[in-house]
Amino acid sequence: MRRKLAVLLMVALIPLSGAAACGQAIEDRAREEVDKQVEKGKQRVNDEVQKGRDRVEKELTNAQEQVQDGTKKAKEKAGGGQ
């Protein structure tokens, strides 16, 4: 009787262990997908940050050129007016 009960118990537990293994596979797959989406999000943020830096550098360069042009014109006007 004990042996029969042990066999029945084993038979009952085998599908449960398979379901647990299947659940773990699903969890692992979901975790991989989440990680992939997080990496995509990080890359998108990094791209936007780089675009912002490039825009700021361009604006800075333009402003520096305008200041240099203004300084040059002011010097020419000051030198030419004397």
PDB file of N, CA and C in Angstrom:
ATOM      1  N   MET A   1       0.812  -1.186   0.000  1.00  0.00           N
ATOM      2  CA  MET A   1       0.000   0.000   0.000  1.00  0.00           C
ATOM      3  C   MET A   1       0.860   1.256   0.000  1.00  0.00           C
ATOM      4  N   ARG A   2       1.881   1.251   0.845  1.00  0.00           N
ATOM      5  CA  ARG A   2       2.774   2.414   0.882  1.00  0.00           C
ATOM      6  C   ARG A   2       3.471   2.612  -0.456  1.00  0.00           C
ATOM      7  N   ARG A   3       3.873   1.514  -1.045  1.00  0.00           N
ATOM      8  CA  ARG A   3       4.577   1.583  -2.327  1.00  0.00           C
ATOM      9  C   ARG A   3       3.646   2.158  -3.403  1.00  0.00           C
ATOM     10  N   LYS A   4       2.409   1.716  -3.392  1.00  0.00           N
ATOM     11  CA  LYS A   4       1.429   2.208  -4.359  1.00  0.00           C
ATOM     12  C   LYS A   4       1.180   3.705  -4.140  1.00  0.00           C
ATOM     13  N   LEU A   5       1.087   4.121  -2.900  1.00  0.00           N
ATOM     14  CA  LEU A   5       0.889   5.526  -2.567  1.00  0.00           C
ATOM     15  C   LEU A   5       2.095   6.359  -3.000  1.00  0.00           C
ATOM     16  N   ALA A   6       3.285   5.822  -2.800  1.00  0.00           N
ATOM     17  CA  ALA A   6       4.502   6.523  -3.207  1.00  0.00           C
ATOM     18  C   ALA A   6       4.549   6.680  -4.721  1.00  0.00           C
ATOM     19  N   VAL A   7       4.153   5.636  -5.437  1.00  0.00           N
ATOM     20  CA  VAL A   7       4.138   5.703  -6.904  1.00  0.00           C
ATOM     21  C   VAL A   7       3.113   6.730  -7.364  1.00  0.00           C
ATOM     22  N   LEU A   8       1.934   6.709  -6.778  1.00  0.00           N
ATOM     23  CA  LEU A   8       0.901   7.686  -7.147  1.00  0.00           C
ATOM     24  C   LEU A   8       1.347   9.120  -6.845  1.00  0.00           C
ATOM     25  N   LEU A   9       2.006   9.288  -5.732  1.00  0.00           N
ATOM     26  CA  LEU A   9       2.517  10.599  -5.360  1.00  0.00           C
ATOM     27  C   LEU A   9       3.571  11.077  -6.354  1.00  0.00           C
ATOM     28  N   MET A  10       4.449  10.185  -6.764  1.00  0.00           N
ATOM     29  CA  MET A  10       5.487  10.524  -7.755  1.00  0.00           C
ATOM     30  C   MET A  10       4.847  10.900  -9.087  1.00  0.00           C
ATOM     31  N   VAL A  11       3.862  10.110  -9.496  1.00  0.00           N
ATOM     32  CA  VAL A  11       3.165  10.384 -10.759  1.00  0.00           C
ATOM     33  C   VAL A  11       2.477  11.743 -10.693  1.00  0.00           C
ATOM     34  N   ALA A  12       1.951  12.088  -9.550  1.00  0.00           N
ATOM     35  CA  ALA A  12       1.280  13.380  -9.391  1.00  0.00           C
ATOM     36  C   ALA A  12       2.276  14.535  -9.396  1.00  0.00           C
ATOM     37  N   LEU A  13       3.465  14.310  -8.867  1.00  0.00           N
ATOM     38  CA  LEU A  13       4.450  15.390  -8.772  1.00  0.00           C
ATOM     39  C   LEU A  13       5.195  15.651 -10.078  1.00  0.00           C
ATOM     40  N   ILE A  14       5.299  14.671 -10.941  1.00  0.00           N
ATOM     41  CA  ILE A  14       6.053  14.835 -12.187  1.00  0.00           C
ATOM     42  C   ILE A  14       5.467  15.973 -13.036  1.00  0.00           C
ATOM     43  N   PRO A  15       4.149  16.010 -13.281  1.00  0.00           N
ATOM     44  CA  PRO A  15       3.616  17.134 -14.067  1.00  0.00           C
ATOM     45  C   PRO A  15       3.818  18.475 -13.373  1.00  0.00           C
ATOM     46  N   LEU A  16       3.767  18.491 -12.062  1.00  0.00           N
ATOM     47  CA  LEU A  16       3.979  19.741 -11.339  1.00  0.00           C
ATOM     48  C   LEU A  16       5.396  20.254 -11.531  1.00  0.00           C
ATOM     49  N   SER A  17       6.363  19.345 -11.511  1.00  0.00           N
ATOM     50  CA  SER A  17       7.743  19.780 -11.721  1.00  0.00           C
ATOM     51  C   SER A  17       7.930  20.263 -13.156  1.00  0.00           C
ATOM     52  N   GLY A  18       7.220  19.614 -14.102  1.00  0.00           N
ATOM     53  CA  GLY A  18       7.271  20.072 -15.491  1.00  0.00           C
ATOM     54  C   GLY A  18       6.648  21.437 -15.636  1.00  0.00           C
ATOM     55  N   ALA A  19       5.545  21.661 -14.946  1.00  0.00           N
ATOM     56  CA  ALA A  19       4.892  22.971 -14.994  1.00  0.00           C
ATOM     57  C   ALA A  19       5.788  24.033 -14.376  1.00  0.00           C
ATOM     58  N   ALA A  20       6.475  23.687 -13.322  1.00  0.00           N
ATOM     59  CA  ALA A  20       7.394  24.640 -12.695  1.00  0.00           C
ATOM     60  C   ALA A  20       8.533  24.974 -13.643  1.00  0.00           C
ATOM     61  N   ALA A  21       9.043  23.957 -14.322  1.00  0.00           N
ATOM     62  CA  ALA A  21      10.124  24.193 -15.282  1.00  0.00           C
ATOM     63  C   ALA A  21       9.622  25.050 -16.433  1.00  0.00           C
ATOM     64  N   CYS A  22       8.419  24.807 -16.904  1.00  0.00           N
ATOM     65  CA  CYS A  22       7.823  25.588 -17.976  1.00  0.00           C
ATOM     66  C   CYS A  22       7.619  27.028 -17.503  1.00  0.00           C
ATOM     67  N   GLY A  23       7.138  27.171 -16.272  1.00  0.00           N
ATOM     68  CA  GLY A  23       6.956  28.509 -15.704  1.00  0.00           C
ATOM     69  C   GLY A  23       8.270  29.261 -15.608  1.00  0.00           C
ATOM     70  N   GLN A  24       9.324  28.548 -15.243  1.00  0.00           N
ATOM     71  CA  GLN A  24      10.649  29.180 -15.159  1.00  0.00           C
ATOM     72  C   GLN A  24      11.111  29.625 -16.540  1.00  0.00           C
ATOM     73  N   ALA A  25      10.845  28.816 -17.557  1.00  0.00           N
ATOM     74  CA  ALA A  25      11.231  29.183 -18.922  1.00  0.00           C
ATOM     75  C   ALA A  25      10.476  30.429 -19.374  1.00  0.00           C
ATOM     76  N   ILE A  26       9.201  30.487 -19.039  1.00  0.00           N
ATOM     77  CA  ILE A  26       8.400  31.661 -19.401  1.00  0.00           C
ATOM     78  C   ILE A  26       8.921  32.895 -18.659  1.00  0.00           C
ATOM     79  N   GLU A  27       9.243  32.722 -17.390  1.00  0.00           N
ATOM     80  CA  GLU A  27       9.786  33.838 -16.602  1.00  0.00           C
ATOM     81  C   GLU A  27      11.117  34.314 -17.179  1.00  0.00           C
ATOM     82  N   ASP A  28      11.973  33.379 -17.553  1.00  0.00           N
ATOM     83  CA  ASP A  28      13.265  33.740 -18.141  1.00  0.00           C
ATOM     84  C   ASP A  28      13.079  34.487 -19.456  1.00  0.00           C
ATOM     85  N   ARG A  29      12.151  33.996 -20.262  1.00  0.00           N
ATOM     86  CA  ARG A  29      11.893  34.647 -21.553  1.00  0.00           C
ATOM     87  C   ARG A  29      11.343  36.060 -21.344  1.00  0.00           C
ATOM     88  N   ALA A  30      10.436  36.198 -20.394  1.00  0.00           N
ATOM     89  CA  ALA A  30       9.870  37.518 -20.096  1.00  0.00           C
ATOM     90  C   ALA A  30      10.958  38.455 -19.586  1.00  0.00           C
ATOM     91  N   ARG A  31      11.838  37.950 -18.736  1.00  0.00           N
ATOM     92  CA  ARG A  31      12.924  38.765 -18.199  1.00  0.00           C
ATOM     93  C   ARG A  31      13.853  39.219 -19.331  1.00  0.00           C
ATOM     94  N   GLU A  32      14.146  38.306 -20.275  1.00  0.00           N
ATOM     95  CA  GLU A  32      15.000  38.666 -21.410  1.00  0.00           C
ATOM     96  C   GLU A  32      14.350  39.757 -22.250  1.00  0.00           C
ATOM     97  N   GLU A  33      13.050  39.645 -22.457  1.00  0.00           N
ATOM     98  CA  GLU A  33      12.329  40.657 -23.249  1.00  0.00           C
ATOM     99  C   GLU A  33      12.343  42.004 -22.541  1.00  0.00           C
ATOM    100  N   VAL A  34      12.132  41.987 -21.240  1.00  0.00           N
ATOM    101  CA  VAL A  34      12.170  43.230 -20.465  1.00  0.00           C
ATOM    102  C   VAL A  34      13.561  43.851 -20.543  1.00  0.00           C
ATOM    103  N   ASP A  35      14.592  43.027 -20.385  1.00  0.00           N
ATOM    104  CA  ASP A  35      15.964  43.530 -20.474  1.00  0.00           C
ATOM    105  C   ASP A  35      16.243  44.134 -21.842  1.00  0.00           C
ATOM    106  N   LYS A  36      15.732  43.478 -22.879  1.00  0.00           N
ATOM    107  CA  LYS A  36      15.929  43.974 -24.239  1.00  0.00           C
ATOM    108  C   LYS A  36      15.250  45.339 -24.411  1.00  0.00           C
ATOM    109  N   GLN A  37      14.036  45.454 -23.887  1.00  0.00           N
ATOM    110  CA  GLN A  37      13.305  46.722 -24.005  1.00  0.00           C
ATOM    111  C   GLN A  37      13.988  47.829 -23.196  1.00  0.00           C
ATOM    112  N   VAL A  38      14.523  47.471 -22.048  1.00  0.00           N
ATOM    113  CA  VAL A  38      15.250  48.445 -21.226  1.00  0.00           C
ATOM    114  C   VAL A  38      16.483  48.939 -21.983  1.00  0.00           C
ATOM    115  N   GLU A  39      17.203  48.026 -22.616  1.00  0.00           N
ATOM    116  CA  GLU A  39      18.391  48.417 -23.383  1.00  0.00           C
ATOM    117  C   GLU A  39      18.014  49.323 -24.546  1.00  0.00           C
ATOM    118  N   LYS A  40      16.907  49.011 -25.220  1.00  0.00           N
ATOM    119  CA  LYS A  40      16.441  49.878 -26.308  1.00  0.00           C
ATOM    120  C   LYS A  40      16.130  51.269 -25.771  1.00  0.00           C
ATOM    121  N   GLY A  41      15.478  51.318 -24.626  1.00  0.00           N
ATOM    122  CA  GLY A  41      15.145  52.611 -24.012  1.00  0.00           C
ATOM    123  C   GLY A  41      16.392  53.395 -23.647  1.00  0.00           C
ATOM    124  N   LYS A  42      17.372  52.713 -23.082  1.00  0.00           N
ATOM    125  CA  LYS A  42      18.626  53.383 -22.723  1.00  0.00           C
ATOM    126  C   LYS A  42      19.320  53.924 -23.966  1.00  0.00           C
ATOM    127  N   GLN A  43      19.326  53.128 -25.044  1.00  0.00           N
ATOM    128  CA  GLN A  43      19.973  53.561 -26.281  1.00  0.00           C
ATOM    129  C   GLN A  43      19.250  54.776 -26.864  1.00  0.00           C
ATOM    130  N   ARG A  44      17.922  54.751 -26.798  1.00  0.00           N
ATOM    131  CA  ARG A  44      17.151  55.891 -27.304  1.00  0.00           C
ATOM    132  C   ARG A  44      17.466  57.152 -26.500  1.00  0.00           C
ATOM    133  N   VAL A  45      17.551  57.015 -25.183  1.00  0.00           N
ATOM    134  CA  VAL A  45      17.888  58.160 -24.327  1.00  0.00           C
ATOM    135  C   VAL A  45      19.287  58.665 -24.655  1.00  0.00           C
ATOM    136  N   ASN A  46      20.240  57.738 -24.801  1.00  0.00           N
ATOM    137  CA  ASN A  46      21.607  58.139 -25.133  1.00  0.00           C
ATOM    138  C   ASN A  46      21.661  58.861 -26.474  1.00  0.00           C
ATOM    139  N   ASP A  47      20.878  58.382 -27.453  1.00  0.00           N
ATOM    140  CA  ASP A  47      20.830  59.037 -28.766  1.00  0.00           C
ATOM    141  C   ASP A  47      20.280  60.451 -28.650  1.00  0.00           C
ATOM    142  N   GLU A  48      19.218  60.605 -27.865  1.00  0.00           N
ATOM    143  CA  GLU A  48      18.631  61.938 -27.683  1.00  0.00           C
ATOM    144  C   GLU A  48      19.597  62.876 -26.961  1.00  0.00           C
ATOM    145  N   VAL A  49      20.283  62.349 -25.970  1.00  0.00           N
ATOM    146  CA  VAL A  49      21.271  63.164 -25.249  1.00  0.00           C
ATOM    147  C   VAL A  49      22.378  63.609 -26.198  1.00  0.00           C
ATOM    148  N   GLN A  50      22.840  62.691 -27.059  1.00  0.00           N
ATOM    149  CA  GLN A  50      23.896  63.030 -28.011  1.00  0.00           C
ATOM    150  C   GLN A  50      23.406  64.086 -29.003  1.00  0.00           C
ATOM    151  N   LYS A  51      22.160  63.957 -29.459  1.00  0.00           N
ATOM    152  CA  LYS A  51      21.599  64.972 -30.361  1.00  0.00           C
ATOM    153  C   LYS A  51      21.581  66.339 -29.671  1.00  0.00           C
ATOM    154  N   GLY A  52      21.193  66.338 -28.412  1.00  0.00           N
ATOM    155  CA  GLY A  52      21.165  67.592 -27.652  1.00  0.00           C
ATOM    156  C   GLY A  52      22.555  68.187 -27.509  1.00  0.00           C
ATOM    157  N   ARG A  53      23.536  67.360 -27.223  1.00  0.00           N
ATOM    158  CA  ARG A  53      24.912  67.846 -27.100  1.00  0.00           C
ATOM    159  C   ARG A  53      25.411  68.414 -28.421  1.00  0.00           C
ATOM    160  N   ASP A  54      25.109  67.699 -29.513  1.00  0.00           N
ATOM    161  CA  ASP A  54      25.525  68.180 -30.835  1.00  0.00           C
ATOM    162  C   ASP A  54      24.883  69.528 -31.146  1.00  0.00           C
ATOM    163  N   ARG A  55      23.595  69.668 -30.814  1.00  0.00           N
ATOM    164  CA  ARG A  55      22.892  70.924 -31.063  1.00  0.00           C
ATOM    165  C   ARG A  55      23.500  72.053 -30.229  1.00  0.00           C
ATOM    166  N   VAL A  56      23.808  71.768 -28.968  1.00  0.00           N
ATOM    167  CA  VAL A  56      24.406  72.782 -28.097  1.00  0.00           C
ATOM    168  C   VAL A  56      25.788  73.186 -28.622  1.00  0.00           C
ATOM    169  N   GLU A  57      26.583  72.213 -29.037  1.00  0.00           N
ATOM    170  CA  GLU A  57      27.916  72.527 -29.580  1.00  0.00           C
ATOM    171  C   GLU A  57      27.811  73.373 -30.836  1.00  0.00           C
ATOM    172  N   LYS A  58      26.833  73.060 -31.690  1.00  0.00           N
ATOM    173  CA  LYS A  58      26.636  73.833 -32.913  1.00  0.00           C
ATOM    174  C   LYS A  58      26.241  75.273 -32.584  1.00  0.00           C
ATOM    175  N   GLU A  59      25.310  75.420 -31.650  1.00  0.00           N
ATOM    176  CA  GLU A  59      24.880  76.758 -31.237  1.00  0.00           C
ATOM    177  C   GLU A  59      26.038  77.536 -30.607  1.00  0.00           C
ATOM    178  N   LEU A  60      26.855  76.857 -29.816  1.00  0.00           N
ATOM    179  CA  LEU A  60      28.006  77.497 -29.195  1.00  0.00           C
ATOM    180  C   LEU A  60      28.992  77.969 -30.252  1.00  0.00           C
ATOM    181  N   THR A  61      29.237  77.111 -31.235  1.00  0.00           N
ATOM    182  CA  THR A  61      30.155  77.478 -32.321  1.00  0.00           C
ATOM    183  C   THR A  61      29.617  78.684 -33.083  1.00  0.00           C
ATOM    184  N   ASN A  62      28.322  78.692 -33.384  1.00  0.00           N
ATOM    185  CA  ASN A  62      27.713  79.819 -34.081  1.00  0.00           C
ATOM    186  C   ASN A  62      27.821  81.102 -33.254  1.00  0.00           C
ATOM    187  N   ALA A  63      27.576  80.987 -31.964  1.00  0.00           N
ATOM    188  CA  ALA A  63      27.662  82.166 -31.096  1.00  0.00           C
ATOM    189  C   ALA A  63      29.091  82.693 -31.039  1.00  0.00           C
ATOM    190  N   GLN A  64      30.071  81.780 -30.948  1.00  0.00           N
ATOM    191  CA  GLN A  64      31.471  82.209 -30.920  1.00  0.00           C
ATOM    192  C   GLN A  64      31.849  82.913 -32.231  1.00  0.00           C
ATOM    193  N   GLU A  65      31.368  82.385 -33.348  1.00  0.00           N
ATOM    194  CA  GLU A  65      31.657  83.018 -34.634  1.00  0.00           C
ATOM    195  C   GLU A  65      31.024  84.394 -34.719  1.00  0.00           C
ATOM    196  N   GLN A  66      29.811  84.538 -34.212  1.00  0.00           N
ATOM    197  CA  GLN A  66      29.143  85.845 -34.215  1.00  0.00           C
ATOM    198  C   GLN A  66      29.898  86.846 -33.355  1.00  0.00           C
ATOM    199  N   VAL A  67      30.380  86.406 -32.219  1.00  0.00           N
ATOM    200  CA  VAL A  67      31.152  87.296 -31.334  1.00  0.00           C
ATOM    201  C   VAL A  67      32.449  87.715 -32.022  1.00  0.00           C
ATOM    202  N   GLN A  68      33.107  86.756 -32.657  1.00  0.00           N
ATOM    203  CA  GLN A  68      34.355  87.084 -33.358  1.00  0.00           C
ATOM    204  C   GLN A  68      34.096  88.054 -34.511  1.00  0.00           C
ATOM    205  N   ASP A  69      33.028  87.819 -35.259  1.00  0.00           N
ATOM    206  CA  ASP A  69      32.683  88.733 -36.352  1.00  0.00           C
ATOM    207  C   ASP A  69      32.355  90.117 -35.815  1.00  0.00           C
ATOM    208  N   GLY A  70      31.596  90.167 -34.738  1.00  0.00           N
ATOM    209  CA  GLY A  70      31.244  91.464 -34.136  1.00  0.00           C
ATOM    210  C   GLY A  70      32.474  92.181 -33.619  1.00  0.00           C
ATOM    211  N   THR A  71      33.387  91.439 -33.006  1.00  0.00           N
ATOM    212  CA  THR A  71      34.618  92.033 -32.497  1.00  0.00           C
ATOM    213  C   THR A  71      35.459  92.560 -33.648  1.00  0.00           C
ATOM    214  N   LYS A  72      35.548  91.796 -34.709  1.00  0.00           N
ATOM    215  CA  LYS A  72      36.335  92.200 -35.880  1.00  0.00           C
ATOM    216  C   LYS A  72      35.741  93.460 -36.511  1.00  0.00           C
ATOM    217  N   LYS A  73      34.436  93.509 -36.656  1.00  0.00           N
ATOM    218  CA  LYS A  73      33.774  94.687 -37.235  1.00  0.00           C
ATOM    219  C   LYS A  73      33.953  95.903 -36.332  1.00  0.00           C
ATOM    220  N   ALA A  74      33.859  95.683 -35.022  1.00  0.00           N
ATOM    221  CA  ALA A  74      34.024  96.802 -34.083  1.00  0.00           C
ATOM    222  C   ALA A  74      35.439  97.348 -34.150  1.00  0.00           C
ATOM    223  N   LYS A  75      36.434  96.461 -34.273  1.00  0.00           N
ATOM    224  CA  LYS A  75      37.834  96.903 -34.374  1.00  0.00           C
ATOM    225  C   LYS A  75      38.054  97.655 -35.666  1.00  0.00           C
ATOM    226  N   GLU A  76      37.472  97.164 -36.774  1.00  0.00           N
ATOM    227  CA  GLU A  76      37.618  97.834 -38.058  1.00  0.00           C
ATOM    228  C   GLU A  76      36.985  99.220 -38.030  1.00  0.00           C
ATOM    229  N   LYS A  77      35.804  99.288 -37.409  1.00  0.00           N
ATOM    230  CA  LYS A  77      35.100 100.562 -37.318  1.00  0.00           C
ATOM    231  C   LYS A  77      35.853 101.536 -36.420  1.00  0.00           C
ATOM    232  N   ALA A  78      36.396 101.036 -35.329  1.00  0.00           N
ATOM    233  CA  ALA A  78      37.155 101.891 -34.415  1.00  0.00           C
ATOM    234  C   ALA A  78      38.451 102.335 -35.070  1.00  0.00           C
ATOM    235  N   GLY A  79      39.114 101.458 -35.784  1.00  0.00           N
ATOM    236  CA  GLY A  79      40.377 101.799 -36.438  1.00  0.00           C
ATOM    237  C   GLY A  79      40.166 102.674 -37.643  1.00  0.00           C
ATOM    238  N   GLY A  80      39.109 102.445 -38.399  1.00  0.00           N
ATOM    239  CA  GLY A  80      38.831 103.202 -39.615  1.00  0.00           C
ATOM    240  C   GLY A  80      38.274 104.578 -39.327  1.00  0.00           C
ATOM    241  N   GLY A  81      37.650 104.790 -38.194  1.00  0.00           N
ATOM    242  CA  GLY A  81      37.030 106.065 -37.845  1.00  0.00           C
ATOM    243  C   GLY A  81      38.005 107.066 -37.297  1.00  0.00           C
ATOM    244  N   GLN A  82      39.260 106.695 -36.975  1.00  0.00           N
ATOM    245  CA  GLN A  82      40.202 107.616 -36.360  1.00  0.00           C
ATOM    246  C   GLN A  82      40.987 108.360 -37.374  1.00  0.00           C
TER     247      GLN A  82
END
